[in-house]
């Protein structure tokens, strides 16, 4: 009986340690996900600005006001 009690106590400690490790893993992965989300936002913002500039540059040669090509006037 005493052997079973000791084994149960040992198993309880193992399970507690496993729970602590799993909690630490979750915390670490949550922090990584937040960091990666911010990095993605940091990368997407300049890319969006660059794409908008590219669209503007493509449209500029075709821009007309009252039938006059504004690229020529500028």
PDB file of N, CA and C in Angstrom:
ATOM      1  N   UNK A   1       0.819  -1.191   0.000  1.00  0.00           N
ATOM      2  CA  UNK A   1       0.000   0.000   0.000  1.00  0.00           C
ATOM      3  C   UNK A   1       0.869   1.264   0.000  1.00  0.00           C
ATOM      4  N   UNK A   2       1.896   1.242   0.821  1.00  0.00           N
ATOM      5  CA  UNK A   2       2.766   2.407   0.905  1.00  0.00           C
ATOM      6  C   UNK A   2       3.513   2.616  -0.410  1.00  0.00           C
ATOM      7  N   UNK A   3       3.836   1.536  -1.083  1.00  0.00           N
ATOM      8  CA  UNK A   3       4.493   1.630  -2.391  1.00  0.00           C
ATOM      9  C   UNK A   3       3.575   2.279  -3.418  1.00  0.00           C
ATOM     10  N   UNK A   4       2.301   1.940  -3.373  1.00  0.00           N
ATOM     11  CA  UNK A   4       1.326   2.532  -4.296  1.00  0.00           C
ATOM     12  C   UNK A   4       1.163   4.022  -4.031  1.00  0.00           C
ATOM     13  N   UNK A   5       1.166   4.397  -2.760  1.00  0.00           N
ATOM     14  CA  UNK A   5       1.035   5.799  -2.388  1.00  0.00           C
ATOM     15  C   UNK A   5       2.253   6.592  -2.883  1.00  0.00           C
ATOM     16  N   UNK A   6       3.419   6.045  -2.729  1.00  0.00           N
ATOM     17  CA  UNK A   6       4.643   6.705  -3.192  1.00  0.00           C
ATOM     18  C   UNK A   6       4.628   6.839  -4.709  1.00  0.00           C
ATOM     19  N   UNK A   7       4.184   5.812  -5.406  1.00  0.00           N
ATOM     20  CA  UNK A   7       4.107   5.860  -6.867  1.00  0.00           C
ATOM     21  C   UNK A   7       3.097   6.908  -7.317  1.00  0.00           C
ATOM     22  N   UNK A   8       1.986   6.993  -6.611  1.00  0.00           N
ATOM     23  CA  UNK A   8       0.962   7.980  -6.951  1.00  0.00           C
ATOM     24  C   UNK A   8       1.486   9.397  -6.729  1.00  0.00           C
ATOM     25  N   UNK A   9       2.211   9.604  -5.636  1.00  0.00           N
ATOM     26  CA  UNK A   9       2.787  10.924  -5.366  1.00  0.00           C
ATOM     27  C   UNK A   9       3.802  11.291  -6.448  1.00  0.00           C
ATOM     28  N   UNK A  10       4.619  10.322  -6.829  1.00  0.00           N
ATOM     29  CA  UNK A  10       5.622  10.565  -7.864  1.00  0.00           C
ATOM     30  C   UNK A  10       4.931  10.895  -9.196  1.00  0.00           C
ATOM     31  N   UNK A  11       3.892  10.152  -9.513  1.00  0.00           N
ATOM     32  CA  UNK A  11       3.155  10.407 -10.748  1.00  0.00           C
ATOM     33  C   UNK A  11       2.524  11.796 -10.729  1.00  0.00           C
ATOM     34  N   UNK A  12       2.032  12.216  -9.564  1.00  0.00           N
ATOM     35  CA  UNK A  12       1.449  13.546  -9.418  1.00  0.00           C
ATOM     36  C   UNK A  12       2.488  14.615  -9.701  1.00  0.00           C
ATOM     37  N   UNK A  13       3.693  14.433  -9.167  1.00  0.00           N
ATOM     38  CA  UNK A  13       4.763  15.405  -9.418  1.00  0.00           C
ATOM     39  C   UNK A  13       5.143  15.443 -10.896  1.00  0.00           C
ATOM     40  N   UNK A  14       5.161  14.300 -11.531  1.00  0.00           N
ATOM     41  CA  UNK A  14       5.473  14.234 -12.967  1.00  0.00           C
ATOM     42  C   UNK A  14       4.409  14.979 -13.762  1.00  0.00           C
ATOM     43  N   UNK A  15       3.145  14.754 -13.422  1.00  0.00           N
ATOM     44  CA  UNK A  15       2.055  15.421 -14.120  1.00  0.00           C
ATOM     45  C   UNK A  15       2.090  16.935 -13.907  1.00  0.00           C
ATOM     46  N   UNK A  16       2.442  17.369 -12.703  1.00  0.00           N
ATOM     47  CA  UNK A  16       2.570  18.802 -12.429  1.00  0.00           C
ATOM     48  C   UNK A  16       3.685  19.403 -13.282  1.00  0.00           C
ATOM     49  N   UNK A  17       4.808  18.707 -13.359  1.00  0.00           N
ATOM     50  CA  UNK A  17       5.932  19.186 -14.169  1.00  0.00           C
ATOM     51  C   UNK A  17       5.547  19.245 -15.646  1.00  0.00           C
ATOM     52  N   UNK A  18       4.827  18.233 -16.115  1.00  0.00           N
ATOM     53  CA  UNK A  18       4.371  18.224 -17.505  1.00  0.00           C
ATOM     54  C   UNK A  18       3.434  19.399 -17.780  1.00  0.00           C
ATOM     55  N   UNK A  19       2.560  19.687 -16.806  1.00  0.00           N
ATOM     56  CA  UNK A  19       1.629  20.802 -16.950  1.00  0.00           C
ATOM     57  C   UNK A  19       2.384  22.131 -17.005  1.00  0.00           C
ATOM     58  N   UNK A  20       3.377  22.298 -16.152  1.00  0.00           N
ATOM     59  CA  UNK A  20       4.179  23.520 -16.149  1.00  0.00           C
ATOM     60  C   UNK A  20       4.923  23.692 -17.477  1.00  0.00           C
ATOM     61  N   UNK A  21       5.454  22.593 -17.991  1.00  0.00           N
ATOM     62  CA  UNK A  21       6.166  22.646 -19.268  1.00  0.00           C
ATOM     63  C   UNK A  21       5.211  23.004 -20.395  1.00  0.00           C
ATOM     64  N   UNK A  22       4.040  22.405 -20.404  1.00  0.00           N
ATOM     65  CA  UNK A  22       3.052  22.707 -21.445  1.00  0.00           C
ATOM     66  C   UNK A  22       2.613  24.167 -21.364  1.00  0.00           C
ATOM     67  N   UNK A  23       2.427  24.668 -20.149  1.00  0.00           N
ATOM     68  CA  UNK A  23       2.044  26.074 -19.977  1.00  0.00           C
ATOM     69  C   UNK A  23       3.141  27.001 -20.486  1.00  0.00           C
ATOM     70  N   UNK A  24       4.388  26.656 -20.219  1.00  0.00           N
ATOM     71  CA  UNK A  24       5.506  27.454 -20.708  1.00  0.00           C
ATOM     72  C   UNK A  24       5.563  27.417 -22.234  1.00  0.00           C
ATOM     73  N   UNK A  25       5.294  26.259 -22.829  1.00  0.00           N
ATOM     74  CA  UNK A  25       5.272  26.146 -24.284  1.00  0.00           C
ATOM     75  C   UNK A  25       4.182  27.030 -24.883  1.00  0.00           C
ATOM     76  N   UNK A  26       3.008  27.013 -24.270  1.00  0.00           N
ATOM     77  CA  UNK A  26       1.899  27.838 -24.756  1.00  0.00           C
ATOM     78  C   UNK A  26       2.271  29.316 -24.661  1.00  0.00           C
ATOM     79  N   UNK A  27       2.845  29.722 -23.559  1.00  0.00           N
ATOM     80  CA  UNK A  27       3.238  31.122 -23.384  1.00  0.00           C
ATOM     81  C   UNK A  27       4.280  31.524 -24.428  1.00  0.00           C
ATOM     82  N   UNK A  28       5.250  30.663 -24.648  1.00  0.00           N
ATOM     83  CA  UNK A  28       6.287  30.954 -25.641  1.00  0.00           C
ATOM     84  C   UNK A  28       5.724  31.046 -27.047  1.00  0.00           C
ATOM     85  N   UNK A  29       4.853  30.122 -27.406  1.00  0.00           N
ATOM     86  CA  UNK A  29       4.262  30.134 -28.744  1.00  0.00           C
ATOM     87  C   UNK A  29       3.330  31.328 -28.931  1.00  0.00           C
ATOM     88  N   UNK A  30       2.633  31.699 -27.878  1.00  0.00           N
ATOM     89  CA  UNK A  30       1.761  32.880 -27.948  1.00  0.00           C
ATOM     90  C   UNK A  30       2.591  34.132 -28.184  1.00  0.00           C
ATOM     91  N   UNK A  31       3.711  34.247 -27.490  1.00  0.00           N
ATOM     92  CA  UNK A  31       4.603  35.400 -27.684  1.00  0.00           C
ATOM     93  C   UNK A  31       5.182  35.407 -29.098  1.00  0.00           C
ATOM     94  N   UNK A  32       5.562  34.243 -29.603  1.00  0.00           N
ATOM     95  CA  UNK A  32       6.096  34.157 -30.965  1.00  0.00           C
ATOM     96  C   UNK A  32       5.040  34.559 -31.982  1.00  0.00           C
ATOM     97  N   UNK A  33       3.812  34.108 -31.779  1.00  0.00           N
ATOM     98  CA  UNK A  33       2.735  34.450 -32.710  1.00  0.00           C
ATOM     99  C   UNK A  33       2.488  35.956 -32.725  1.00  0.00           C
ATOM    100  N   UNK A  34       2.490  36.572 -31.562  1.00  0.00           N
ATOM    101  CA  UNK A  34       2.295  38.020 -31.481  1.00  0.00           C
ATOM    102  C   UNK A  34       3.433  38.753 -32.191  1.00  0.00           C
ATOM    103  N   UNK A  35       4.653  38.302 -31.972  1.00  0.00           N
ATOM    104  CA  UNK A  35       5.819  38.916 -32.621  1.00  0.00           C
ATOM    105  C   UNK A  35       5.724  38.763 -34.141  1.00  0.00           C
ATOM    106  N   UNK A  36       5.388  37.561 -34.590  1.00  0.00           N
ATOM    107  CA  UNK A  36       5.292  37.313 -36.030  1.00  0.00           C
ATOM    108  C   UNK A  36       4.168  38.124 -36.664  1.00  0.00           C
ATOM    109  N   UNK A  37       3.070  38.301 -35.942  1.00  0.00           N
ATOM    110  CA  UNK A  37       1.958  39.104 -36.444  1.00  0.00           C
ATOM    111  C   UNK A  37       2.411  40.553 -36.632  1.00  0.00           C
ATOM    112  N   UNK A  38       3.163  41.074 -35.677  1.00  0.00           N
ATOM    113  CA  UNK A  38       3.670  42.446 -35.781  1.00  0.00           C
ATOM    114  C   UNK A  38       4.664  42.568 -36.922  1.00  0.00           C
ATOM    115  N   UNK A  39       5.537  41.581 -37.068  1.00  0.00           N
ATOM    116  CA  UNK A  39       6.522  41.608 -38.160  1.00  0.00           C
ATOM    117  C   UNK A  39       5.817  41.607 -39.512  1.00  0.00           C
ATOM    118  N   UNK A  40       4.770  40.795 -39.628  1.00  0.00           N
ATOM    119  CA  UNK A  40       4.019  40.738 -40.884  1.00  0.00           C
ATOM    120  C   UNK A  40       3.390  42.088 -41.180  1.00  0.00           C
ATOM    121  N   UNK A  41       2.827  42.730 -40.176  1.00  0.00           N
ATOM    122  CA  UNK A  41       2.236  44.056 -40.358  1.00  0.00           C
ATOM    123  C   UNK A  41       3.316  45.059 -40.780  1.00  0.00           C
ATOM    124  N   UNK A  42       4.490  44.958 -40.170  1.00  0.00           N
ATOM    125  CA  UNK A  42       5.600  45.857 -40.514  1.00  0.00           C
ATOM    126  C   UNK A  42       6.053  45.667 -41.958  1.00  0.00           C
ATOM    127  N   UNK A  43       5.982  44.443 -42.428  1.00  0.00           N
ATOM    128  CA  UNK A  43       6.399  44.133 -43.800  1.00  0.00           C
ATOM    129  C   UNK A  43       5.319  44.536 -44.794  1.00  0.00           C
ATOM    130  N   UNK A  44       4.054  44.285 -44.456  1.00  0.00           N
ATOM    131  CA  UNK A  44       2.959  44.558 -45.381  1.00  0.00           C
ATOM    132  C   UNK A  44       2.755  46.048 -45.624  1.00  0.00           C
ATOM    133  N   UNK A  45       2.981  46.882 -44.627  1.00  0.00           N
ATOM    134  CA  UNK A  45       2.732  48.315 -44.789  1.00  0.00           C
ATOM    135  C   UNK A  45       3.596  48.933 -45.894  1.00  0.00           C
ATOM    136  N   UNK A  46       4.917  48.767 -45.862  1.00  0.00           N
ATOM    137  CA  UNK A  46       5.721  49.336 -46.959  1.00  0.00           C
ATOM    138  C   UNK A  46       5.390  48.688 -48.306  1.00  0.00           C
ATOM    139  N   UNK A  47       5.052  47.409 -48.296  1.00  0.00           N
ATOM    140  CA  UNK A  47       4.709  46.726 -49.543  1.00  0.00           C
ATOM    141  C   UNK A  47       3.444  47.332 -50.139  1.00  0.00           C
ATOM    142  N   UNK A  48       2.471  47.641 -49.302  1.00  0.00           N
ATOM    143  CA  UNK A  48       1.230  48.251 -49.777  1.00  0.00           C
ATOM    144  C   UNK A  48       1.497  49.640 -50.348  1.00  0.00           C
ATOM    145  N   UNK A  49       2.344  50.401 -49.677  1.00  0.00           N
ATOM    146  CA  UNK A  49       2.701  51.740 -50.160  1.00  0.00           C
ATOM    147  C   UNK A  49       3.415  51.633 -51.504  1.00  0.00           C
ATOM    148  N   UNK A  50       4.309  50.673 -51.615  1.00  0.00           N
ATOM    149  CA  UNK A  50       5.044  50.483 -52.867  1.00  0.00           C
ATOM    150  C   UNK A  50       4.098  50.085 -53.999  1.00  0.00           C
ATOM    151  N   UNK A  51       3.139  49.217 -53.700  1.00  0.00           N
ATOM    152  CA  UNK A  51       2.179  48.805 -54.722  1.00  0.00           C
ATOM    153  C   UNK A  51       1.305  49.977 -55.157  1.00  0.00           C
ATOM    154  N   UNK A  52       0.915  50.823 -54.218  1.00  0.00           N
ATOM    155  CA  UNK A  52       0.110  51.995 -54.558  1.00  0.00           C
ATOM    156  C   UNK A  52       0.915  52.938 -55.453  1.00  0.00           C
ATOM    157  N   UNK A  53       2.187  53.125 -55.139  1.00  0.00           N
ATOM    158  CA  UNK A  53       3.051  53.960 -55.972  1.00  0.00           C
ATOM    159  C   UNK A  53       3.211  53.388 -57.367  1.00  0.00           C
ATOM    160  N   UNK A  54       3.309  52.086 -57.444  1.00  0.00           N
ATOM    161  CA  UNK A  54       3.449  51.423 -58.741  1.00  0.00           C
ATOM    162  C   UNK A  54       2.181  51.619 -59.580  1.00  0.00           C
ATOM    163  N   UNK A  55       1.013  51.468 -58.941  1.00  0.00           N
ATOM    164  CA  UNK A  55      -0.247  51.677 -59.661  1.00  0.00           C
ATOM    165  C   UNK A  55      -0.345  53.128 -60.147  1.00  0.00           C
ATOM    166  N   UNK A  56       0.055  54.049 -59.299  1.00  0.00           N
ATOM    167  CA  UNK A  56       0.021  55.466 -59.668  1.00  0.00           C
ATOM    168  C   UNK A  56       0.951  55.736 -60.852  1.00  0.00           C
ATOM    169  N   UNK A  57       2.137  55.145 -60.808  1.00  0.00           N
ATOM    170  CA  UNK A  57       3.107  55.336 -61.892  1.00  0.00           C
ATOM    171  C   UNK A  57       2.591  54.741 -63.204  1.00  0.00           C
ATOM    172  N   UNK A  58       1.884  53.630 -63.129  1.00  0.00           N
ATOM    173  CA  UNK A  58       1.329  53.022 -64.338  1.00  0.00           C
ATOM    174  C   UNK A  58       0.213  53.880 -64.931  1.00  0.00           C
ATOM    175  N   UNK A  59      -0.559  54.524 -64.058  1.00  0.00           N
ATOM    176  CA  UNK A  59      -1.678  55.330 -64.529  1.00  0.00           C
ATOM    177  C   UNK A  59      -1.255  56.711 -65.028  1.00  0.00           C
ATOM    178  N   UNK A  60      -0.140  57.220 -64.571  1.00  0.00           N
ATOM    179  CA  UNK A  60       0.291  58.582 -64.893  1.00  0.00           C
ATOM    180  C   UNK A  60       0.363  58.859 -66.396  1.00  0.00           C
ATOM    181  N   UNK A  61       0.928  57.983 -67.209  1.00  0.00           N
ATOM    182  CA  UNK A  61       1.008  58.285 -68.642  1.00  0.00           C
ATOM    183  C   UNK A  61      -0.367  58.409 -69.311  1.00  0.00           C
ATOM    184  N   UNK A  62      -1.374  57.784 -68.745  1.00  0.00           N
ATOM    185  CA  UNK A  62      -2.705  57.805 -69.332  1.00  0.00           C
ATOM    186  C   UNK A  62      -3.584  58.912 -68.755  1.00  0.00           C
ATOM    187  N   UNK A  63      -3.059  59.681 -67.828  1.00  0.00           N
ATOM    188  CA  UNK A  63      -3.839  60.710 -67.156  1.00  0.00           C
ATOM    189  C   UNK A  63      -4.100  61.890 -68.089  1.00  0.00           C
ATOM    190  N   UNK A  64      -5.370  62.278 -68.186  1.00  0.00           N
ATOM    191  CA  UNK A  64      -5.753  63.404 -69.028  1.00  0.00           C
ATOM    192  C   UNK A  64      -6.710  64.314 -68.273  1.00  0.00           C
ATOM    193  N   UNK A  65      -6.545  65.603 -68.514  1.00  0.00           N
ATOM    194  CA  UNK A  65      -7.487  66.596 -68.005  1.00  0.00           C
ATOM    195  C   UNK A  65      -7.907  67.430 -69.202  1.00  0.00           C
ATOM    196  N   UNK A  66      -9.199  67.429 -69.486  1.00  0.00           N
ATOM    197  CA  UNK A  66      -9.740  68.140 -70.660  1.00  0.00           C
ATOM    198  C   UNK A  66      -9.032  67.725 -71.946  1.00  0.00           C
ATOM    199  N   UNK A  67      -8.735  66.441 -72.049  1.00  0.00           N
ATOM    200  CA  UNK A  67      -8.116  65.916 -73.256  1.00  0.00           C
ATOM    201  C   UNK A  67      -6.625  66.150 -73.364  1.00  0.00           C
ATOM    202  N   UNK A  68      -6.009  66.740 -72.354  1.00  0.00           N
ATOM    203  CA  UNK A  68      -4.577  67.019 -72.400  1.00  0.00           C
ATOM    204  C   UNK A  68      -3.867  66.022 -71.465  1.00  0.00           C
ATOM    205  N   UNK A  69      -2.857  65.349 -71.999  1.00  0.00           N
ATOM    206  CA  UNK A  69      -2.090  64.389 -71.202  1.00  0.00           C
ATOM    207  C   UNK A  69      -1.285  65.164 -70.167  1.00  0.00           C
ATOM    208  N   UNK A  70      -1.582  64.905 -68.903  1.00  0.00           N
ATOM    209  CA  UNK A  70      -0.915  65.654 -67.817  1.00  0.00           C
ATOM    210  C   UNK A  70       0.555  65.295 -67.699  1.00  0.00           C
ATOM    211  N   UNK A  71       0.969  64.148 -68.179  1.00  0.00           N
ATOM    212  CA  UNK A  71       2.384  63.775 -68.122  1.00  0.00           C
ATOM    213  C   UNK A  71       3.188  64.683 -69.058  1.00  0.00           C
ATOM    214  N   UNK A  72       2.590  65.103 -70.145  1.00  0.00           N
ATOM    215  CA  UNK A  72       3.268  65.955 -71.101  1.00  0.00           C
ATOM    216  C   UNK A  72       3.379  67.384 -70.558  1.00  0.00           C
ATOM    217  N   UNK A  73       2.306  67.857 -69.895  1.00  0.00           N
ATOM    218  CA  UNK A  73       2.267  69.219 -69.377  1.00  0.00           C
ATOM    219  C   UNK A  73       3.278  69.395 -68.254  1.00  0.00           C
ATOM    220  N   UNK A  74       3.410  68.396 -67.407  1.00  0.00           N
ATOM    221  CA  UNK A  74       4.316  68.498 -66.257  1.00  0.00           C
ATOM    222  C   UNK A  74       5.702  68.517 -66.751  1.00  0.00           C
TER     223      UNK A  74
END
